[in-house]
Structure formats: C-alpha cells, structure tokens
C-alpha cells in the first residue's frame, strides 16, 4: 500500500498499534512487554522483508522473518525460565 501512496495511518494499522500499546493501561493482566516485543519483532521482520525485496531476493526476507520468530521464541523461553 505504501507503493500506492497510502499512508500507514490510513491503513488502520497505525491506530491498531496505538490501541494495542495502550490496552495494558486499562486492562489488568495484559503484558506491556509482550506487546512492545511484538511491535519490535514485527518491525524487524518487516524491515528484513523490505530489504530482501530491494535486493530482488524475496526468499531472504522469509529467512529474516523466520530468524526473528525463532529468536523471539528462544528469548521468551529464556525469560520464562527465570
């Protein structure tokens, strides 16, 4: 959608990110750290896919996104073990 000139905030994802990050402020037992980690992980996976597309090697984007996912799982296990 960005290539078509649609603003990020007009896609619905901008307000959704604001809502998801604000949600733990009024709902108990919702992890702020988990939501922030999801935003960071999503941004990293998105950047990997965009850079791979620029390099004309889209498969590399999938590898980058899979790496971010695997790193997230391993980090979650490491944190939960403490």
C-alpha atoms as a PDB file:
ATOM      1  CA  UNK A   1       0.000   0.000   0.000  1.00  0.00           C
ATOM      2  CA  UNK A   2       2.947   2.298   0.624  1.00  0.00           C
ATOM      3  CA  UNK A   3       3.983   1.979  -3.019  1.00  0.00           C
ATOM      4  CA  UNK A   4       0.464   3.047  -3.994  1.00  0.00           C
ATOM      5  CA  UNK A   5       0.775   6.187  -1.860  1.00  0.00           C
ATOM      6  CA  UNK A   6      -1.453   5.094   1.021  1.00  0.00           C
ATOM      7  CA  UNK A   7      -0.288   6.474   4.369  1.00  0.00           C
ATOM      8  CA  UNK A   8       0.459   3.981   7.148  1.00  0.00           C
ATOM      9  CA  UNK A   9      -2.061   5.718   9.398  1.00  0.00           C
ATOM     10  CA  UNK A  10      -4.791   5.370   6.775  1.00  0.00           C
ATOM     11  CA  UNK A  11      -4.383   1.587   6.565  1.00  0.00           C
ATOM     12  CA  UNK A  12      -5.784   1.008  10.035  1.00  0.00           C
ATOM     13  CA  UNK A  13      -2.515  -0.398  11.353  1.00  0.00           C
ATOM     14  CA  UNK A  14      -1.420   2.880  12.969  1.00  0.00           C
ATOM     15  CA  UNK A  15      -4.490   3.225  15.188  1.00  0.00           C
ATOM     16  CA  UNK A  16      -4.354  -0.512  15.904  1.00  0.00           C
ATOM     17  CA  UNK A  17      -0.765  -0.251  17.165  1.00  0.00           C
ATOM     18  CA  UNK A  18      -1.740   2.697  19.393  1.00  0.00           C
ATOM     19  CA  UNK A  19      -4.684   0.710  20.778  1.00  0.00           C
ATOM     20  CA  UNK A  20      -2.609  -2.431  21.401  1.00  0.00           C
ATOM     21  CA  UNK A  21       0.133  -0.481  23.160  1.00  0.00           C
ATOM     22  CA  UNK A  22      -2.382   1.426  25.312  1.00  0.00           C
ATOM     23  CA  UNK A  23      -4.515  -1.628  26.134  1.00  0.00           C
ATOM     24  CA  UNK A  24      -2.422  -2.764  29.151  1.00  0.00           C
ATOM     25  CA  UNK A  25      -3.059   0.623  30.774  1.00  0.00           C
ATOM     26  CA  UNK A  26      -6.727  -0.176  31.431  1.00  0.00           C
ATOM     27  CA  UNK A  27      -6.885  -3.995  31.317  1.00  0.00           C
ATOM     28  CA  UNK A  28      -5.112  -5.897  34.076  1.00  0.00           C
ATOM     29  CA  UNK A  29      -3.012  -8.996  33.390  1.00  0.00           C
ATOM     30  CA  UNK A  30      -2.080  -7.839  29.881  1.00  0.00           C
ATOM     31  CA  UNK A  31       1.649  -7.755  29.258  1.00  0.00           C
ATOM     32  CA  UNK A  32       3.047  -4.414  28.121  1.00  0.00           C
ATOM     33  CA  UNK A  33       6.413  -6.081  27.487  1.00  0.00           C
ATOM     34  CA  UNK A  34       4.820  -8.692  25.256  1.00  0.00           C
ATOM     35  CA  UNK A  35       3.084  -6.055  23.177  1.00  0.00           C
ATOM     36  CA  UNK A  36       6.240  -3.946  22.879  1.00  0.00           C
ATOM     37  CA  UNK A  37       8.218  -7.046  21.915  1.00  0.00           C
ATOM     38  CA  UNK A  38       5.634  -7.843  19.258  1.00  0.00           C
ATOM     39  CA  UNK A  39       5.920  -4.372  17.780  1.00  0.00           C
ATOM     40  CA  UNK A  40       9.729  -4.568  17.735  1.00  0.00           C
ATOM     41  CA  UNK A  41       9.727  -8.100  16.286  1.00  0.00           C
ATOM     42  CA  UNK A  42       7.175  -7.134  13.645  1.00  0.00           C
ATOM     43  CA  UNK A  43       9.209  -4.094  12.674  1.00  0.00           C
ATOM     44  CA  UNK A  44      12.375  -6.186  12.372  1.00  0.00           C
ATOM     45  CA  UNK A  45      10.641  -8.843  10.258  1.00  0.00           C
ATOM     46  CA  UNK A  46       9.112  -6.148   8.057  1.00  0.00           C
ATOM     47  CA  UNK A  47      12.477  -4.483   7.558  1.00  0.00           C
ATOM     48  CA  UNK A  48      14.051  -7.828   6.638  1.00  0.00           C
ATOM     49  CA  UNK A  49      11.381  -8.417   4.012  1.00  0.00           C
ATOM     50  CA  UNK A  50      11.660  -4.900   2.600  1.00  0.00           C
ATOM     51  CA  UNK A  51      15.450  -5.081   2.335  1.00  0.00           C
ATOM     52  CA  UNK A  52      15.218  -8.502   0.678  1.00  0.00           C
ATOM     53  CA  UNK A  53      12.721  -7.128  -1.846  1.00  0.00           C
ATOM     54  CA  UNK A  54      15.083  -4.237  -2.636  1.00  0.00           C
ATOM     55  CA  UNK A  55      17.860  -6.781  -3.229  1.00  0.00           C
ATOM     56  CA  UNK A  56      15.455  -8.703  -5.518  1.00  0.00           C
ATOM     57  CA  UNK A  57      15.763 -11.821  -3.340  1.00  0.00           C
ATOM     58  CA  UNK A  58      12.398 -12.232  -1.587  1.00  0.00           C
ATOM     59  CA  UNK A  59      13.349 -15.615  -0.145  1.00  0.00           C
ATOM     60  CA  UNK A  60      15.901 -13.823   2.011  1.00  0.00           C
ATOM     61  CA  UNK A  61      13.060 -11.852   3.598  1.00  0.00           C
ATOM     62  CA  UNK A  62      11.374 -15.065   4.660  1.00  0.00           C
ATOM     63  CA  UNK A  63      14.640 -16.270   6.169  1.00  0.00           C
ATOM     64  CA  UNK A  64      14.971 -12.990   8.073  1.00  0.00           C
ATOM     65  CA  UNK A  65      11.386 -13.155   9.329  1.00  0.00           C
ATOM     66  CA  UNK A  66      11.865 -16.789  10.401  1.00  0.00           C
ATOM     67  CA  UNK A  67      15.044 -15.786  12.239  1.00  0.00           C
ATOM     68  CA  UNK A  68      13.167 -13.032  14.096  1.00  0.00           C
ATOM     69  CA  UNK A  69      10.435 -15.522  15.017  1.00  0.00           C
ATOM     70  CA  UNK A  70      12.899 -18.134  16.249  1.00  0.00           C
ATOM     71  CA  UNK A  71      14.837 -15.540  18.234  1.00  0.00           C
ATOM     72  CA  UNK A  72      11.561 -14.377  19.809  1.00  0.00           C
ATOM     73  CA  UNK A  73      10.657 -17.896  20.874  1.00  0.00           C
ATOM     74  CA  UNK A  74      14.098 -18.540  22.338  1.00  0.00           C
ATOM     75  CA  UNK A  75      14.031 -15.215  24.177  1.00  0.00           C
ATOM     76  CA  UNK A  76      10.573 -15.983  25.576  1.00  0.00           C
ATOM     77  CA  UNK A  77      11.811 -19.339  26.914  1.00  0.00           C
ATOM     78  CA  UNK A  78      14.900 -17.696  28.393  1.00  0.00           C
ATOM     79  CA  UNK A  79      12.836 -15.045  30.179  1.00  0.00           C
ATOM     80  CA  UNK A  80      10.212 -17.551  31.372  1.00  0.00           C
ATOM     81  CA  UNK A  81      12.944 -19.757  32.842  1.00  0.00           C
ATOM     82  CA  UNK A  82      13.930 -17.065  35.365  1.00  0.00           C
END
